[in-house]
C-alpha atoms as a PDB file:
ATOM      1  CA  MET A   1      99.180 -28.700  27.008  1.00  0.00           C
ATOM      2  CA  ASP A   2      95.485 -29.201  25.962  1.00  0.00           C
ATOM      3  CA  ILE A   3      92.374 -28.556  28.077  1.00  0.00           C
ATOM      4  CA  LYS A   4      91.516 -31.543  30.332  1.00  0.00           C
ATOM      5  CA  SER A   5      87.869 -32.203  31.259  1.00  0.00           C
ATOM      6  CA  GLY A   6      86.708 -33.833  34.248  1.00  0.00           C
ATOM      7  CA  PHE A   7      83.831 -34.442  36.639  1.00  0.00           C
ATOM      8  CA  PHE A   8      83.053 -34.145  40.575  1.00  0.00           C
ATOM      9  CA  LYS A   9      80.314 -35.696  42.566  1.00  0.00           C
ATOM     10  CA  THR A  10      78.857 -33.214  45.278  1.00  0.00           C
ATOM     11  CA  SER A  11      77.842 -34.641  48.613  1.00  0.00           C
ATOM     12  CA  ASP A  12      74.167 -34.373  47.598  1.00  0.00           C
ATOM     13  CA  GLY A  13      74.792 -36.512  44.484  1.00  0.00           C
ATOM     14  CA  ALA A  14      74.997 -33.742  41.764  1.00  0.00           C
ATOM     15  CA  THR A  15      77.628 -34.594  39.317  1.00  0.00           C
ATOM     16  CA  LEU A  16      79.798 -31.309  38.237  1.00  0.00           C
ATOM     17  CA  HIS A  17      81.652 -30.766  35.152  1.00  0.00           C
ATOM     18  CA  TYR A  18      85.064 -28.714  35.433  1.00  0.00           C
ATOM     19  CA  ILE A  19      87.844 -27.974  32.565  1.00  0.00           C
ATOM     20  CA  GLU A  20      91.689 -27.351  33.757  1.00  0.00           C
ATOM     21  CA  LYS A  21      94.834 -26.722  31.988  1.00  0.00           C
ATOM     22  CA  GLY A  22      98.200 -26.013  33.579  1.00  0.00           C
ATOM     23  CA  VAL A  23     100.349 -26.870  36.867  1.00  0.00           C
ATOM     24  CA  GLY A  24     100.876 -25.009  39.884  1.00  0.00           C
ATOM     25  CA  ARG A  25      98.607 -23.055  42.441  1.00  0.00           C
ATOM     26  CA  PRO A  26      95.026 -23.619  41.559  1.00  0.00           C
ATOM     27  CA  VAL A  27      92.704 -20.550  40.239  1.00  0.00           C
ATOM     28  CA  VAL A  28      89.397 -21.725  40.061  1.00  0.00           C
ATOM     29  CA  MET A  29      86.844 -19.692  38.073  1.00  0.00           C
ATOM     30  CA  VAL A  30      83.371 -19.599  38.796  1.00  0.00           C
ATOM     31  CA  PRO A  31      80.960 -18.371  35.888  1.00  0.00           C
ATOM     32  CA  GLY A  32      77.803 -16.398  36.333  1.00  0.00           C
ATOM     33  CA  TRP A  33      74.041 -17.705  36.144  1.00  0.00           C
ATOM     34  CA  SER A  34      73.408 -19.493  32.616  1.00  0.00           C
ATOM     35  CA  GLN A  35      77.124 -19.274  32.110  1.00  0.00           C
ATOM     36  CA  THR A  36      79.531 -22.213  31.662  1.00  0.00           C
ATOM     37  CA  ALA A  37      83.149 -22.987  32.341  1.00  0.00           C
ATOM     38  CA  GLU A  38      83.528 -22.636  28.471  1.00  0.00           C
ATOM     39  CA  GLN A  39      83.600 -18.828  28.836  1.00  0.00           C
ATOM     40  CA  TYR A  40      87.041 -18.968  30.568  1.00  0.00           C
ATOM     41  CA  LYS A  41      88.776 -21.040  27.710  1.00  0.00           C
ATOM     42  CA  TYR A  42      91.007 -17.789  27.082  1.00  0.00           C
ATOM     43  CA  GLN A  43      91.808 -17.314  30.575  1.00  0.00           C
ATOM     44  CA  LEU A  44      92.868 -21.067  30.791  1.00  0.00           C
ATOM     45  CA  ASP A  45      95.149 -20.638  27.714  1.00  0.00           C
ATOM     46  CA  GLY A  46      96.333 -17.190  28.902  1.00  0.00           C
ATOM     47  CA  LEU A  47      97.397 -18.175  32.597  1.00  0.00           C
ATOM     48  CA  SER A  48      97.933 -21.822  32.446  1.00  0.00           C
ATOM     49  CA  ASP A  49     101.785 -21.415  31.974  1.00  0.00           C
ATOM     50  CA  LYS A  50     101.868 -20.337  35.520  1.00  0.00           C
ATOM     51  CA  PHE A  51      98.825 -21.764  37.136  1.00  0.00           C
ATOM     52  CA  ARG A  52      96.574 -24.630  37.439  1.00  0.00           C
ATOM     53  CA  CYS A  53      93.488 -22.951  36.026  1.00  0.00           C
ATOM     54  CA  ILE A  54      90.054 -24.851  36.548  1.00  0.00           C
ATOM     55  CA  ALA A  55      86.753 -23.397  35.428  1.00  0.00           C
ATOM     56  CA  ILE A  56      83.570 -25.219  36.993  1.00  0.00           C
ATOM     57  CA  ASP A  57      80.260 -25.385  35.441  1.00  0.00           C
ATOM     58  CA  MET A  58      77.580 -24.885  38.348  1.00  0.00           C
ATOM     59  CA  ARG A  59      74.941 -27.686  38.853  1.00  0.00           C
ATOM     60  CA  GLY A  60      72.463 -27.400  35.979  1.00  0.00           C
ATOM     61  CA  HIS A  61      75.094 -25.521  33.671  1.00  0.00           C
ATOM     62  CA  GLY A  62      77.027 -26.382  30.814  1.00  0.00           C
ATOM     63  CA  ASP A  63      78.070 -30.149  31.156  1.00  0.00           C
ATOM     64  CA  SER A  64      77.018 -30.604  34.857  1.00  0.00           C
ATOM     65  CA  GLU A  65      74.195 -32.464  35.778  1.00  0.00           C
ATOM     66  CA  ASN A  66      70.843 -30.864  35.611  1.00  0.00           C
ATOM     67  CA  VAL A  67      69.370 -32.009  38.964  1.00  0.00           C
ATOM     68  CA  GLU A  68      65.977 -31.021  40.271  1.00  0.00           C
ATOM     69  CA  PHE A  69      67.370 -29.399  43.519  1.00  0.00           C
ATOM     70  CA  GLY A  70      70.014 -27.051  45.128  1.00  0.00           C
ATOM     71  CA  TYR A  71      69.942 -23.942  43.010  1.00  0.00           C
ATOM     72  CA  THR A  72      70.352 -21.440  45.646  1.00  0.00           C
ATOM     73  CA  ILE A  73      73.543 -19.390  46.241  1.00  0.00           C
ATOM     74  CA  GLN A  74      74.116 -21.286  49.779  1.00  0.00           C
ATOM     75  CA  ARG A  75      73.842 -24.843  47.895  1.00  0.00           C
ATOM     76  CA  LEU A  76      76.140 -23.766  45.057  1.00  0.00           C
ATOM     77  CA  ALA A  77      78.618 -22.255  47.689  1.00  0.00           C
ATOM     78  CA  VAL A  78      78.633 -25.492  49.197  1.00  0.00           C
ATOM     79  CA  ASP A  79      79.324 -27.503  45.849  1.00  0.00           C
ATOM     80  CA  LEU A  80      82.262 -25.028  45.229  1.00  0.00           C
ATOM     81  CA  TYR A  81      83.671 -25.549  48.906  1.00  0.00           C
ATOM     82  CA  GLU A  82      83.437 -29.376  48.263  1.00  0.00           C
ATOM     83  CA  PHE A  83      85.188 -29.079  44.751  1.00  0.00           C
ATOM     84  CA  ILE A  84      88.024 -27.020  46.205  1.00  0.00           C
ATOM     85  CA  SER A  85      88.336 -28.982  49.362  1.00  0.00           C
ATOM     86  CA  ASP A  86      89.152 -31.964  46.781  1.00  0.00           C
ATOM     87  CA  LEU A  87      92.063 -30.118  45.345  1.00  0.00           C
ATOM     88  CA  ASP A  88      94.307 -30.792  48.298  1.00  0.00           C
ATOM     89  CA  SER A  89      95.530 -27.254  48.336  1.00  0.00           C
ATOM     90  CA  GLU A  90      95.434 -24.175  51.043  1.00  0.00           C
ATOM     91  CA  ASP A  91      96.551 -21.616  48.415  1.00  0.00           C
ATOM     92  CA  ILE A  92      93.584 -21.290  46.213  1.00  0.00           C
ATOM     93  CA  CYS A  93      92.753 -18.232  44.066  1.00  0.00           C
ATOM     94  CA  LEU A  94      88.965 -17.989  43.350  1.00  0.00           C
ATOM     95  CA  MET A  95      87.753 -15.877  40.305  1.00  0.00           C
ATOM     96  CA  GLY A  96      84.135 -15.309  39.845  1.00  0.00           C
ATOM     97  CA  HIS A  97      81.996 -13.350  37.356  1.00  0.00           C
ATOM     98  CA  SER A  98      78.594 -12.055  38.086  1.00  0.00           C
ATOM     99  CA  MET A  99      76.792 -14.141  40.214  1.00  0.00           C
ATOM    100  CA  GLY A 100      79.989 -16.593  40.559  1.00  0.00           C
ATOM    101  CA  CYS A 101      80.705 -13.679  43.018  1.00  0.00           C
ATOM    102  CA  SER A 102      77.856 -14.114  45.053  1.00  0.00           C
ATOM    103  CA  VAL A 103      78.683 -17.931  45.156  1.00  0.00           C
ATOM    104  CA  ILE A 104      82.198 -17.054  46.273  1.00  0.00           C
ATOM    105  CA  TRP A 105      80.984 -14.797  48.958  1.00  0.00           C
ATOM    106  CA  GLY A 106      78.682 -17.334  50.118  1.00  0.00           C
ATOM    107  CA  LEU A 107      81.720 -19.960  50.418  1.00  0.00           C
ATOM    108  CA  PHE A 108      83.676 -17.310  52.286  1.00  0.00           C
ATOM    109  CA  ASP A 109      80.716 -16.442  54.619  1.00  0.00           C
ATOM    110  CA  LYS A 110      80.129 -20.246  55.534  1.00  0.00           C
ATOM    111  CA  PHE A 111      83.619 -22.009  55.410  1.00  0.00           C
ATOM    112  CA  GLY A 112      85.877 -18.913  55.989  1.00  0.00           C
ATOM    113  CA  ASP A 113      89.207 -18.399  54.108  1.00  0.00           C
ATOM    114  CA  SER A 114      91.317 -21.333  55.351  1.00  0.00           C
ATOM    115  CA  LEU A 115      91.725 -22.774  51.674  1.00  0.00           C
ATOM    116  CA  LEU A 116      92.002 -19.438  49.911  1.00  0.00           C
ATOM    117  CA  SER A 117      94.850 -17.060  48.930  1.00  0.00           C
ATOM    118  CA  LYS A 118      93.187 -14.450  46.946  1.00  0.00           C
ATOM    119  CA  LEU A 119      89.586 -13.552  45.393  1.00  0.00           C
ATOM    120  CA  ILE A 120      89.013 -11.863  42.183  1.00  0.00           C
ATOM    121  CA  PHE A 121      85.399 -10.618  41.484  1.00  0.00           C
ATOM    122  CA  ILE A 122      84.505  -9.597  37.740  1.00  0.00           C
ATOM    123  CA  ASP A 123      81.386  -7.427  37.127  1.00  0.00           C
ATOM    124  CA  GLU A 124      79.704  -8.103  40.224  1.00  0.00           C
ATOM    125  CA  PRO A 125      76.976  -5.463  40.692  1.00  0.00           C
ATOM    126  CA  PRO A 126      76.893  -4.255  44.414  1.00  0.00           C
ATOM    127  CA  CYS A 127      72.908  -3.965  44.128  1.00  0.00           C
ATOM    128  CA  LEU A 128      70.320  -5.061  41.589  1.00  0.00           C
ATOM    129  CA  LEU A 129      67.124  -3.848  43.251  1.00  0.00           C
ATOM    130  CA  ASN A 130      66.846  -0.084  43.989  1.00  0.00           C
ATOM    131  CA  ASN A 131      65.097   1.644  46.828  1.00  0.00           C
ATOM    132  CA  PRO A 132      62.294   3.837  45.954  1.00  0.00           C
ATOM    133  CA  GLU A 133      63.410   6.486  48.433  1.00  0.00           C
ATOM    134  CA  TRP A 134      66.922   6.743  47.018  1.00  0.00           C
ATOM    135  CA  ASP A 135      67.890   9.790  44.910  1.00  0.00           C
ATOM    136  CA  ARG A 136      69.659   9.671  41.428  1.00  0.00           C
ATOM    137  CA  ASN A 137      73.271   9.925  42.719  1.00  0.00           C
ATOM    138  CA  THR A 138      72.606   6.781  45.103  1.00  0.00           C
ATOM    139  CA  LEU A 139      70.875   5.078  42.441  1.00  0.00           C
ATOM    140  CA  GLN A 140      74.014   5.782  40.051  1.00  0.00           C
ATOM    141  CA  THR A 141      76.469   4.925  42.889  1.00  0.00           C
ATOM    142  CA  THR A 142      74.873   1.567  44.010  1.00  0.00           C
ATOM    143  CA  GLY A 143      74.612   0.428  40.520  1.00  0.00           C
ATOM    144  CA  ALA A 144      71.047  -0.604  41.162  1.00  0.00           C
ATOM    145  CA  LEU A 145      69.164  -1.910  37.944  1.00  0.00           C
ATOM    146  CA  PHE A 146      65.830  -2.864  38.820  1.00  0.00           C
ATOM    147  CA  THR A 147      62.561  -1.775  40.624  1.00  0.00           C
ATOM    148  CA  LYS A 148      60.303  -4.395  41.820  1.00  0.00           C
ATOM    149  CA  GLU A 149      58.374  -4.051  38.880  1.00  0.00           C
ATOM    150  CA  THR A 150      61.076  -4.130  36.243  1.00  0.00           C
ATOM    151  CA  LEU A 151      62.767  -6.913  37.934  1.00  0.00           C
ATOM    152  CA  SER A 152      59.562  -9.192  37.949  1.00  0.00           C
ATOM    153  CA  GLU A 153      59.049  -8.323  34.324  1.00  0.00           C
ATOM    154  CA  THR A 154      62.615  -9.387  33.570  1.00  0.00           C
ATOM    155  CA  CYS A 155      62.434 -12.670  35.451  1.00  0.00           C
ATOM    156  CA  SER A 156      58.998 -13.595  33.810  1.00  0.00           C
ATOM    157  CA  ASN A 157      60.504 -12.921  30.448  1.00  0.00           C
ATOM    158  CA  LEU A 158      63.639 -14.915  31.105  1.00  0.00           C
ATOM    159  CA  MET A 159      61.506 -17.762  32.442  1.00  0.00           C
ATOM    160  CA  GLY A 160      59.253 -17.595  29.230  1.00  0.00           C
ATOM    161  CA  LEU A 161      62.535 -17.615  27.066  1.00  0.00           C
ATOM    162  CA  ILE A 162      64.225 -20.520  29.136  1.00  0.00           C
ATOM    163  CA  ALA A 163      60.753 -22.584  29.069  1.00  0.00           C
ATOM    164  CA  LYS A 164      60.610 -22.257  25.128  1.00  0.00           C
ATOM    165  CA  ASN A 165      64.094 -22.999  24.406  1.00  0.00           C
ATOM    166  CA  LEU A 166      64.730 -25.801  27.101  1.00  0.00           C
ATOM    167  CA  PRO A 167      61.497 -27.567  27.506  1.00  0.00           C
ATOM    168  CA  GLY A 168      61.769 -29.973  30.195  1.00  0.00           C
ATOM    169  CA  LYS A 169      64.702 -28.818  31.892  1.00  0.00           C
ATOM    170  CA  TRP A 170      62.973 -26.389  34.315  1.00  0.00           C
END
């Protein structure tokens, strides 16, 4: 069975792209920021003999529409909820990577677990910004990566890189 491609329209008009393979209980895969559904192609191949595996491109990512609005965790969570609601199942497993985990938590917080059977979180850092009063052990335990200064510098560098490589997209 080959990977199929499809599109879904959100309530605010954004068109989202997804890929899928297999039949059975749905496993919906949510990539992180700047990642696409394509990153899950091996999981689709490896799990599709037992599950209906679906990987979604969030708005502005991959082959989803690059809209001018809605790039918040809360809106991405609404997009995901609308998408899984359309699957007509109450036994959905959500698998998120990186920022995709935050989108899943946003969905869970806003809509609860009525459609969900399992949640899988991959490489979700518990804390990105450190507290200057934390000791070395606490910094290591939380996985905090940035100070205010290094976070600002990293974001500026990323925006410069994005603007250079994707003119007109931002």
